[in-house]
Amino acid sequence: TSNKRTLRTLFRATALPPPVISETSPSQKKLLAYHRGKEQQEMINQLLIDRALEVYYITMDETDKDETAAPVTELPSTVRKYFFIQSYYLFLKKCVQSNPVVPIQQQWLRSVLAMVPQSLMEGRDRELLTEDLLKEIVRDYEKSMQRCVLRRALIKPDIEELDKLEEEAPLPSLPLGMDFSSTWHNSYIRAKKEIISTLHILHPTMKTLLDFGYTAFFNFLVVDFSSSRLKGPVDCKSFKTDASLSCSKAEGEIMSTWHQRVIGLFTQSEALDGVKLDQLESFYNCVAVLMSNQLKELLQRTTKVFVKLFDSEDRSHLPLFKMDLTFDENRMEFYPSLQDLEEAILFVVDCIGHTLQNVQTIPAWLTGGTATLDAELPAHTVQWAKSTLKRSIKDNLEGPKEHFKGYVESYGWLVDGTAEEQIKRFVAEQPSFDEYT
C-alpha cells in the first residue's frame, strides 16, 4: 500500500552539517571538531531512539496499539527515552517467555504421587482429581521456570509504569541466613564428629544411668493417696503427717537403691572409658543434668497424680476429711476451718517439692564435697498445682457449705437469743396449765 513503512524509509541518511571554512588555529580546529563530534553523536543517539520506537510500534500487535495516543515522535525527548526503555524491555520479555522451557521430569511426578497415601487415590473420582493436580503442578512448574529464566536473563528497569503493567507477583526470595550454593556434606561430617566427641549423652555409661532411673522411677510415687478414700475420713493433722512420713520414706528408699546403684556404677573404671582428662568436668556435668532431670520428672509426676485426686469430674479417689460442726460463744462453725483444710492439702505440694533436695553429685560423693543436684520443682509446676487445687477445693466444698447453711437456717434461732426471748415473753404472760401443756 501507499502508506506502507519499511526499514529503508525509516532510516534515512543522516544529513551532516556543511564544513565551516575559516582561518582558524590548530587548537581551535581541534576544539571545534570535538564539539561537532559530540553534537553529531547526540543527534545519532536521538535518531536511533526515535527510529527504534517507530520500528517497535510497527511490530506491535494490533491489540497492543492505542489509536488515541499521540505519535511517538511528538513526545518529549525524556518521555521518549523512558518509553523506549519500557517498550524494549517488554519486547525482550516476550521473546524470553516465548522460548520453550525444560519439561518437568516424570520421575519427580512419580515421587510426588508416592508420598500420597494409597487410600486417597482409590476410586474413579480420585484418579481424575489426581490427574488435575498433576496438570496443575506441571503448569506451576513451567510458569516458575519461565519467571526464573526471565529473572536471570533480564534486569527490570526502575520505571514505575512497569509495575502497573506487570500483574505477576514477585518471585519468593531465598530464606535469610541459608547458603544453598555451598555443599553441606563436609560440614555435616565435621559436625557429626564434633558431636560424637563432645556430646557425652551418647556415652554407654549414660545409657546405663538412664536404665537405672527408668527401673527405679517408672512406677514409683513420692506420695500416694490414691487409696486414702478406702481408709475412711481423716483429719487434717493426720493427713499432713502421713504426707511428711511418706516423703521421708520415699527419699530414704531412693537413696538406698537408685543412688547407691549410680554410685556403684561410677566407682568402676569402665564408666569413664573414652573420656579424656580435659573432658572429665563436662562429662560429670552431663551426668548431673541427667540425674537432675530424672528426679524432677519423678517429683512432677507425683505432683500431677496428687492434683488429679481432687478432680471435680472424677471423685472416685477423692480423699475424705473429718470435719466437726462446733458451737462456741453462740457461734456455729467447722473445725478445722475450711481455710485450714485448704492449707493442709496445699502442704502436700510443698512437702513433695522439699523431697530429694540434698542428693550429692557424683564428684562430690567421690571427693567428699557438698555439691548437690538441682532437683527443685519448676516454679510453673508449683503454681499450676496450687491454683488447680484451690479451684478443686472450692468446688468440692460446695456441699459442706450448703450443709452448714441448712444448720444455721434450722437451728440458728436456738443459739442467737431468739428462743430465749420467746421463752421469757411466754412466762411473763402467765399462761394457763393447758397453754403450758
Protein backbone atom coordinates (compact mmCIF):
# COMPACT_ATOMS: atom_id res chain seq x y z
CA THR A 1 0.00 0.00 0.00
CA SER A 2 0.99 3.65 -0.37
CA ASN A 3 1.39 4.22 3.37
CA LYS A 4 3.47 1.08 3.99
CA ARG A 5 6.59 1.81 6.06
CA THR A 6 9.82 -0.13 5.71
CA LEU A 7 13.21 -0.04 7.38
CA ARG A 8 14.65 1.73 4.34
CA THR A 9 12.12 4.57 4.61
CA LEU A 10 12.51 4.74 8.39
CA PHE A 11 16.28 5.03 8.48
CA ARG A 12 17.07 7.90 6.14
CA ALA A 13 20.59 9.06 5.50
CA THR A 14 21.85 11.35 8.22
CA ALA A 15 22.49 14.86 6.91
CA LEU A 16 25.69 16.23 8.38
CA PRO A 17 26.21 20.00 8.69
CA PRO A 18 28.38 21.63 5.99
CA PRO A 19 32.01 22.16 6.83
CA VAL A 20 32.99 25.58 8.10
CA ILE A 21 35.83 27.12 6.12
CA SER A 22 37.65 29.76 8.03
CA GLU A 23 41.05 30.72 9.08
CA THR A 24 41.46 29.06 12.49
CA SER A 25 44.36 27.87 14.53
CA PRO A 26 45.10 24.15 15.06
CA SER A 27 43.82 24.34 18.67
CA GLN A 28 40.57 25.98 17.55
CA LYS A 29 40.15 23.36 14.83
CA LYS A 30 40.60 20.60 17.39
CA LEU A 31 38.06 22.17 19.80
CA LEU A 32 35.51 22.72 17.01
CA ALA A 33 35.93 19.17 15.83
CA TYR A 34 35.29 17.89 19.38
CA HIS A 35 32.08 19.93 19.76
CA ARG A 36 30.94 18.94 16.28
CA GLY A 37 31.51 15.26 17.01
CA LYS A 38 29.65 15.46 20.33
CA GLU A 39 26.64 17.14 18.69
CA GLN A 40 26.65 14.56 15.89
CA GLN A 41 26.73 11.71 18.44
CA GLU A 42 23.77 13.14 20.37
CA MET A 43 21.88 13.57 17.11
CA ILE A 44 22.60 9.99 16.09
CA ASN A 45 21.53 8.60 19.50
CA GLN A 46 18.27 10.53 19.42
CA LEU A 47 17.61 9.42 15.87
CA LEU A 48 18.23 5.79 16.80
CA ILE A 49 15.82 6.02 19.71
CA ASP A 50 13.12 7.57 17.50
CA ARG A 51 13.60 5.01 14.74
CA ALA A 52 13.67 2.11 17.19
CA LEU A 53 10.42 3.27 18.78
CA GLU A 54 8.79 3.54 15.39
CA VAL A 55 10.00 0.06 14.42
CA TYR A 56 8.76 -1.34 17.69
CA TYR A 57 5.39 0.34 17.25
CA ILE A 58 5.06 -1.14 13.74
CA THR A 59 5.85 -4.66 15.02
CA MET A 60 3.37 -4.44 17.90
CA ASP A 61 0.18 -6.47 17.83
CA GLU A 62 -2.93 -4.61 16.80
CA THR A 63 -4.45 -5.22 20.25
CA ASP A 64 -1.49 -3.53 21.95
CA LYS A 65 -1.74 -0.31 19.98
CA ASP A 66 -3.53 2.71 21.29
CA GLU A 67 -5.04 4.68 18.37
CA THR A 68 -5.82 7.68 20.55
CA ALA A 69 -2.26 8.04 21.84
CA ALA A 70 -0.02 10.73 20.46
CA PRO A 71 2.67 9.71 17.92
CA VAL A 72 5.96 8.68 19.46
CA THR A 73 7.90 11.35 17.62
CA GLU A 74 5.72 14.08 19.14
CA LEU A 75 6.60 13.12 22.74
CA PRO A 76 9.29 14.99 24.73
CA SER A 77 12.78 13.58 24.49
CA THR A 78 12.86 12.39 28.14
CA VAL A 79 9.48 10.68 27.77
CA ARG A 80 10.59 9.08 24.51
CA LYS A 81 13.69 7.73 26.25
CA TYR A 82 11.68 6.09 29.05
CA PHE A 83 9.11 4.86 26.55
CA PHE A 84 11.87 3.27 24.52
CA ILE A 85 13.35 1.51 27.56
CA GLN A 86 9.95 0.31 28.69
CA SER A 87 8.92 -0.89 25.24
CA TYR A 88 12.27 -2.55 24.61
CA TYR A 89 12.07 -4.37 27.96
CA LEU A 90 8.56 -5.64 27.22
CA PHE A 91 9.65 -6.73 23.75
CA LEU A 92 12.61 -8.68 25.14
CA LYS A 93 10.38 -10.12 27.86
CA LYS A 94 8.04 -11.54 25.21
CA CYS A 95 10.98 -13.04 23.38
CA VAL A 96 12.30 -14.72 26.53
CA GLN A 97 8.87 -16.03 27.54
CA SER A 98 8.25 -17.46 24.09
CA ASN A 99 11.27 -19.76 24.38
CA PRO A 100 10.46 -23.34 25.45
CA VAL A 101 11.44 -24.43 28.99
CA VAL A 102 12.88 -27.73 30.15
CA PRO A 103 9.89 -30.01 30.88
CA ILE A 104 9.39 -31.43 34.34
CA GLN A 105 10.82 -34.90 34.81
CA GLN A 106 8.34 -37.74 35.12
CA GLN A 107 10.41 -39.12 37.97
CA TRP A 108 9.57 -36.04 40.02
CA LEU A 109 5.85 -36.51 39.45
CA ARG A 110 6.11 -40.16 40.44
CA SER A 111 7.93 -39.14 43.61
CA VAL A 112 5.13 -36.70 44.46
CA LEU A 113 2.49 -39.39 43.93
CA ALA A 114 4.47 -41.86 46.05
CA MET A 115 4.05 -39.58 49.08
CA VAL A 116 0.24 -39.59 48.78
CA PRO A 117 -1.45 -42.38 50.82
CA GLN A 118 -2.90 -45.08 48.62
CA SER A 119 -6.31 -44.76 50.29
CA LEU A 120 -6.61 -41.21 48.94
CA MET A 121 -6.04 -42.36 45.34
CA GLU A 122 -8.68 -45.12 45.13
CA GLY A 123 -11.82 -44.63 43.07
CA ARG A 124 -12.51 -43.06 39.67
CA ASP A 125 -13.15 -39.59 41.07
CA ARG A 126 -9.86 -39.72 42.96
CA GLU A 127 -7.99 -40.67 39.76
CA LEU A 128 -9.48 -37.71 37.88
CA LEU A 129 -8.58 -35.44 40.78
CA THR A 130 -5.03 -36.78 40.74
CA GLU A 131 -4.73 -36.03 37.01
CA ASP A 132 -5.96 -32.48 37.54
CA LEU A 133 -3.48 -31.98 40.35
CA LEU A 134 -0.59 -33.25 38.23
CA LYS A 135 -1.59 -30.87 35.41
CA GLU A 136 -1.66 -28.02 37.90
CA ILE A 137 1.82 -28.99 39.14
CA VAL A 138 3.13 -29.01 35.55
CA ARG A 139 1.61 -25.58 34.86
CA ASP A 140 3.06 -24.13 38.04
CA TYR A 141 6.45 -25.64 37.22
CA GLU A 142 6.53 -24.20 33.69
CA LYS A 143 5.38 -20.81 34.94
CA SER A 144 8.04 -20.79 37.65
CA MET A 145 10.73 -21.83 35.14
CA GLN A 146 9.73 -19.02 32.78
CA ARG A 147 9.84 -16.47 35.58
CA CYS A 148 13.22 -17.73 36.79
CA VAL A 149 14.68 -17.61 33.29
CA LEU A 150 13.27 -14.11 32.80
CA ARG A 151 14.69 -13.03 36.14
CA ARG A 152 18.16 -14.27 35.23
CA ALA A 153 18.13 -13.04 31.62
CA LEU A 154 16.73 -9.52 32.05
CA ILE A 155 17.17 -6.75 34.56
CA LYS A 156 13.92 -4.94 35.10
CA PRO A 157 14.25 -1.16 34.59
CA ASP A 158 13.35 1.05 37.52
CA ILE A 159 10.22 2.52 35.88
CA GLU A 160 7.05 2.94 37.89
CA GLU A 161 4.77 2.27 34.90
CA LEU A 162 6.20 -1.25 34.53
CA ASP A 163 4.86 -2.27 37.94
CA LYS A 164 1.35 -1.38 36.76
CA LEU A 165 1.72 -3.32 33.51
CA GLU A 166 3.08 -6.50 35.14
CA GLU A 167 0.48 -8.37 37.17
CA GLU A 168 2.81 -11.15 38.31
CA ALA A 169 3.76 -11.29 41.97
CA PRO A 170 7.48 -11.09 42.72
CA LEU A 171 9.40 -14.33 42.99
CA PRO A 172 9.92 -15.52 46.57
CA SER A 173 13.35 -14.65 47.89
CA LEU A 174 15.66 -17.23 49.39
CA PRO A 175 15.50 -17.68 53.18
CA LEU A 176 17.84 -15.37 55.02
CA GLY A 177 20.94 -16.94 56.51
CA MET A 178 20.86 -20.02 54.25
CA ASP A 179 23.51 -20.51 51.62
CA PHE A 180 22.46 -23.24 49.21
CA SER A 181 25.38 -22.67 46.90
CA SER A 182 27.89 -24.50 49.12
CA THR A 183 27.99 -28.19 49.81
CA TRP A 184 26.75 -29.45 53.17
CA HIS A 185 28.26 -32.91 53.31
CA ASN A 186 31.70 -31.90 54.60
CA SER A 187 30.25 -29.66 57.30
CA TYR A 188 27.81 -32.42 58.26
CA ILE A 189 30.61 -34.95 58.71
CA ARG A 190 32.64 -32.42 60.68
CA ALA A 191 29.70 -31.58 62.94
CA LYS A 192 28.94 -35.26 63.45
CA LYS A 193 32.49 -35.96 64.61
CA GLU A 194 32.32 -32.94 66.93
CA ILE A 195 29.06 -34.18 68.43
CA ILE A 196 30.40 -37.69 68.96
CA SER A 197 33.50 -36.35 70.69
CA THR A 198 31.78 -33.78 72.94
CA LEU A 199 28.15 -34.87 73.40
CA HIS A 200 28.54 -37.16 76.40
CA ILE A 201 24.89 -38.27 76.37
CA LEU A 202 25.95 -40.78 73.68
CA HIS A 203 28.41 -42.43 76.08
CA PRO A 204 27.43 -46.02 77.10
CA THR A 205 27.53 -45.02 80.78
CA MET A 206 24.68 -42.59 80.17
CA LYS A 207 22.53 -45.35 78.74
CA THR A 208 23.12 -47.43 81.86
CA LEU A 209 22.25 -44.41 84.01
CA LEU A 210 19.01 -43.97 82.07
CA ASP A 211 18.15 -47.63 82.65
CA PHE A 212 18.70 -47.22 86.39
CA GLY A 213 16.36 -44.25 86.51
CA TYR A 214 13.65 -45.93 84.46
CA THR A 215 13.75 -49.08 86.58
CA ALA A 216 13.59 -47.13 89.86
CA PHE A 217 11.05 -44.43 88.98
CA PHE A 218 8.69 -45.64 86.23
CA ASN A 219 6.08 -46.94 88.73
CA PHE A 220 7.10 -45.03 91.85
CA LEU A 221 5.49 -42.04 93.59
CA VAL A 222 6.88 -39.96 96.44
CA VAL A 223 3.36 -39.57 97.88
CA ASP A 224 0.45 -41.82 97.01
CA PHE A 225 -3.00 -41.01 98.42
CA SER A 226 -4.94 -42.92 95.76
CA SER A 227 -6.25 -45.40 98.35
CA SER A 228 -6.92 -42.79 101.04
CA ARG A 229 -10.67 -42.84 100.38
CA LEU A 230 -10.84 -46.53 101.23
CA LYS A 231 -9.42 -45.85 104.70
CA GLY A 232 -12.28 -43.53 105.62
CA PRO A 233 -12.27 -39.92 106.83
CA VAL A 234 -9.00 -38.49 108.07
CA ASP A 235 -8.36 -35.26 109.97
CA CYS A 236 -6.13 -32.53 108.53
CA LYS A 237 -3.32 -33.06 111.02
CA SER A 238 -3.07 -36.77 110.26
CA PHE A 239 -3.18 -36.01 106.54
CA LYS A 240 -0.17 -33.70 106.80
CA THR A 241 1.68 -36.21 108.99
CA ASP A 242 1.07 -39.01 106.52
CA ALA A 243 2.42 -36.83 103.69
CA SER A 244 5.59 -35.96 105.60
CA LEU A 245 6.25 -39.59 106.57
CA SER A 246 5.61 -40.78 103.01
CA CYS A 247 8.06 -38.25 101.53
CA SER A 248 10.71 -39.12 104.09
CA LYS A 249 10.28 -42.84 103.50
CA ALA A 250 10.40 -42.42 99.71
CA GLU A 251 13.58 -40.35 99.90
CA GLY A 252 15.28 -42.98 102.06
CA GLU A 253 14.26 -45.72 99.65
CA ILE A 254 15.55 -43.83 96.62
CA MET A 255 18.87 -43.04 98.27
CA SER A 256 19.38 -46.66 99.31
CA THR A 257 18.51 -48.16 95.92
CA TRP A 258 18.83 -45.87 92.92
CA HIS A 259 21.55 -43.58 94.27
CA GLN A 260 23.62 -46.49 95.53
CA ARG A 261 23.45 -48.17 92.12
CA VAL A 262 24.58 -44.94 90.46
CA ILE A 263 27.48 -44.58 92.90
CA GLY A 264 28.46 -48.19 92.27
CA LEU A 265 28.45 -47.55 88.53
CA PHE A 266 30.93 -44.69 88.77
CA THR A 267 33.25 -46.50 91.14
CA GLN A 268 34.13 -48.77 88.23
CA SER A 269 36.90 -47.69 85.87
CA GLU A 270 34.85 -48.75 82.81
CA ALA A 271 32.40 -45.92 83.46
CA LEU A 272 34.90 -43.36 82.13
CA ASP A 273 36.13 -45.29 79.08
CA GLY A 274 36.95 -42.93 76.23
CA VAL A 275 36.57 -39.76 78.34
CA LYS A 276 39.63 -37.53 78.13
CA LEU A 277 41.03 -35.83 81.19
CA ASP A 278 40.13 -32.34 79.91
CA GLN A 279 36.54 -33.53 79.28
CA LEU A 280 36.04 -35.03 82.74
CA GLU A 281 34.29 -31.95 84.17
CA SER A 282 31.86 -31.63 81.26
CA PHE A 283 31.19 -35.38 81.45
CA TYR A 284 30.22 -35.16 85.12
CA ASN A 285 28.13 -32.08 84.37
CA CYS A 286 26.21 -34.16 81.86
CA VAL A 287 25.73 -36.88 84.49
CA ALA A 288 24.43 -34.29 86.96
CA VAL A 289 21.94 -32.89 84.44
CA LEU A 290 20.67 -36.36 83.58
CA MET A 291 20.21 -37.30 87.25
CA SER A 292 18.52 -33.95 87.96
CA ASN A 293 16.08 -34.44 85.12
CA GLN A 294 15.17 -37.90 86.41
CA LEU A 295 14.48 -36.59 89.92
CA LYS A 296 12.50 -33.59 88.61
CA GLU A 297 10.40 -35.86 86.44
CA LEU A 298 9.60 -38.04 89.47
CA LEU A 299 8.52 -35.05 91.57
CA GLN A 300 6.48 -33.53 88.73
CA ARG A 301 4.70 -36.81 88.05
CA THR A 302 3.91 -37.24 91.78
CA THR A 303 2.51 -33.69 91.92
CA LYS A 304 0.29 -34.25 88.88
CA VAL A 305 -1.07 -37.54 90.30
CA PHE A 306 -1.86 -35.85 93.62
CA VAL A 307 -3.67 -32.95 91.93
CA LYS A 308 -5.66 -35.44 89.85
CA LEU A 309 -7.17 -36.92 93.07
CA PHE A 310 -9.17 -33.70 93.60
CA ASP A 311 -10.67 -33.57 90.11
CA SER A 312 -14.30 -32.43 90.47
CA GLU A 313 -15.39 -34.52 87.49
CA ASP A 314 -13.96 -37.79 88.87
CA ARG A 315 -14.45 -38.16 92.63
CA SER A 316 -13.76 -41.89 92.82
CA HIS A 317 -10.39 -41.27 94.51
CA LEU A 318 -11.23 -38.03 96.33
CA PRO A 319 -9.85 -38.19 99.93
CA LEU A 320 -12.37 -37.93 102.77
CA PHE A 321 -11.70 -35.39 105.53
CA LYS A 322 -13.14 -35.43 109.02
CA MET A 323 -14.79 -32.10 109.91
CA ASP A 324 -16.62 -31.21 113.17
CA LEU A 325 -19.54 -28.79 113.37
CA THR A 326 -18.91 -26.89 116.61
CA PHE A 327 -20.85 -24.43 118.74
CA ASP A 328 -18.89 -21.95 120.82
CA GLU A 329 -19.77 -18.50 122.13
CA ASN A 330 -23.14 -18.52 120.40
CA ARG A 331 -21.50 -19.26 117.02
CA MET A 332 -21.60 -22.36 114.82
CA GLU A 333 -18.56 -23.19 112.64
CA PHE A 334 -16.48 -26.02 111.18
CA TYR A 335 -13.42 -27.34 112.94
CA PRO A 336 -10.89 -27.31 111.47
CA SER A 337 -11.91 -24.33 109.37
CA LEU A 338 -12.21 -24.52 105.61
CA GLN A 339 -9.06 -22.39 105.33
CA ASP A 340 -7.16 -24.90 107.48
CA LEU A 341 -8.39 -27.70 105.23
CA GLU A 342 -7.07 -25.90 102.13
CA GLU A 343 -3.74 -25.26 103.85
CA ALA A 344 -3.37 -28.96 104.73
CA ILE A 345 -3.94 -30.00 101.11
CA LEU A 346 -1.51 -27.41 99.69
CA PHE A 347 1.04 -28.54 102.30
CA VAL A 348 1.44 -31.80 100.39
CA VAL A 349 2.64 -29.92 97.28
CA ASP A 350 5.29 -28.14 99.35
CA CYS A 351 6.24 -31.40 101.00
CA ILE A 352 6.81 -33.03 97.59
CA GLY A 353 8.90 -30.06 96.49
CA HIS A 354 11.16 -30.36 99.57
CA THR A 355 11.93 -34.01 98.90
CA LEU A 356 15.25 -35.17 97.35
CA GLN A 357 16.83 -31.72 97.60
CA ASN A 358 20.09 -32.91 99.20
CA VAL A 359 21.25 -35.59 96.75
CA GLN A 360 25.02 -35.32 96.25
CA THR A 361 26.57 -35.15 92.82
CA ILE A 362 28.97 -37.91 91.79
CA PRO A 363 32.15 -35.77 92.06
CA ALA A 364 31.01 -34.51 95.48
CA TRP A 365 30.44 -38.04 96.73
CA LEU A 366 33.79 -39.25 95.37
CA THR A 367 35.77 -36.33 96.78
CA GLY A 368 33.76 -35.60 99.93
CA GLY A 369 32.29 -32.34 98.63
CA THR A 370 28.91 -30.79 99.39
CA ALA A 371 27.56 -30.06 95.91
CA THR A 372 24.01 -31.33 95.37
CA LEU A 373 21.82 -31.98 92.35
CA ASP A 374 19.28 -29.44 91.13
CA ALA A 375 16.06 -31.34 91.78
CA GLU A 376 13.80 -28.40 92.59
CA LEU A 377 10.26 -28.46 91.26
CA PRO A 378 9.86 -25.85 88.50
CA ALA A 379 8.04 -22.74 89.65
CA HIS A 380 5.39 -23.06 86.93
CA THR A 381 4.55 -26.59 88.10
CA VAL A 382 4.09 -25.46 91.72
CA GLN A 383 1.95 -22.51 90.61
CA TRP A 384 -0.22 -24.71 88.39
CA ALA A 385 -0.68 -27.34 91.13
CA LYS A 386 -1.72 -24.85 93.82
CA SER A 387 -4.07 -22.86 91.60
CA THR A 388 -5.72 -26.06 90.34
CA LEU A 389 -6.11 -27.44 93.86
CA LYS A 390 -7.66 -24.19 95.10
CA ARG A 391 -10.29 -24.34 92.37
CA SER A 392 -10.97 -28.03 93.06
CA ILE A 393 -11.24 -27.47 96.83
CA LYS A 394 -13.69 -24.65 96.28
CA ASP A 395 -15.86 -26.82 94.02
CA ASN A 396 -15.75 -29.82 96.38
CA LEU A 397 -16.67 -27.71 99.44
CA GLU A 398 -19.95 -26.53 97.96
CA GLY A 399 -21.72 -29.49 99.61
CA PRO A 400 -20.37 -28.89 103.14
CA LYS A 401 -21.15 -25.17 102.82
CA GLU A 402 -24.77 -25.94 101.91
CA HIS A 403 -24.95 -28.39 104.83
CA PHE A 404 -23.67 -25.72 107.20
CA LYS A 405 -26.12 -23.20 105.80
CA GLY A 406 -29.00 -25.62 106.46
CA TYR A 407 -27.97 -26.00 110.12
CA VAL A 408 -27.87 -22.24 110.58
CA GLU A 409 -31.28 -21.75 109.00
CA SER A 410 -32.87 -24.57 111.02
CA TYR A 411 -31.27 -24.10 114.43
CA GLY A 412 -29.69 -20.69 114.45
CA TRP A 413 -32.67 -19.21 116.33
CA LEU A 414 -31.86 -21.52 119.25
CA VAL A 415 -28.37 -20.06 119.74
CA ASP A 416 -28.70 -16.41 118.72
CA GLY A 417 -31.06 -15.44 121.63
CA THR A 418 -34.32 -15.65 119.69
CA ALA A 419 -35.54 -18.76 121.55
CA GLU A 420 -34.58 -17.36 124.93
CA GLU A 421 -36.54 -14.15 124.25
CA GLN A 422 -39.62 -16.17 123.25
CA ILE A 423 -39.47 -18.19 126.48
CA LYS A 424 -39.19 -15.09 128.66
CA ARG A 425 -42.13 -13.46 126.92
CA PHE A 426 -44.21 -16.65 127.27
CA VAL A 427 -43.52 -16.97 131.00
CA ALA A 428 -44.27 -13.31 131.60
CA GLU A 429 -47.76 -13.76 130.16
CA GLN A 430 -48.65 -16.29 132.95
CA PRO A 431 -50.36 -18.84 130.70
CA SER A 432 -52.79 -21.45 131.94
CA PHE A 433 -51.94 -25.09 132.50
CA ASP A 434 -53.35 -26.10 129.12
CA GLU A 435 -51.24 -23.43 127.41
CA TYR A 436 -48.18 -24.66 129.28
CA THR A 437 -49.01 -28.14 128.06
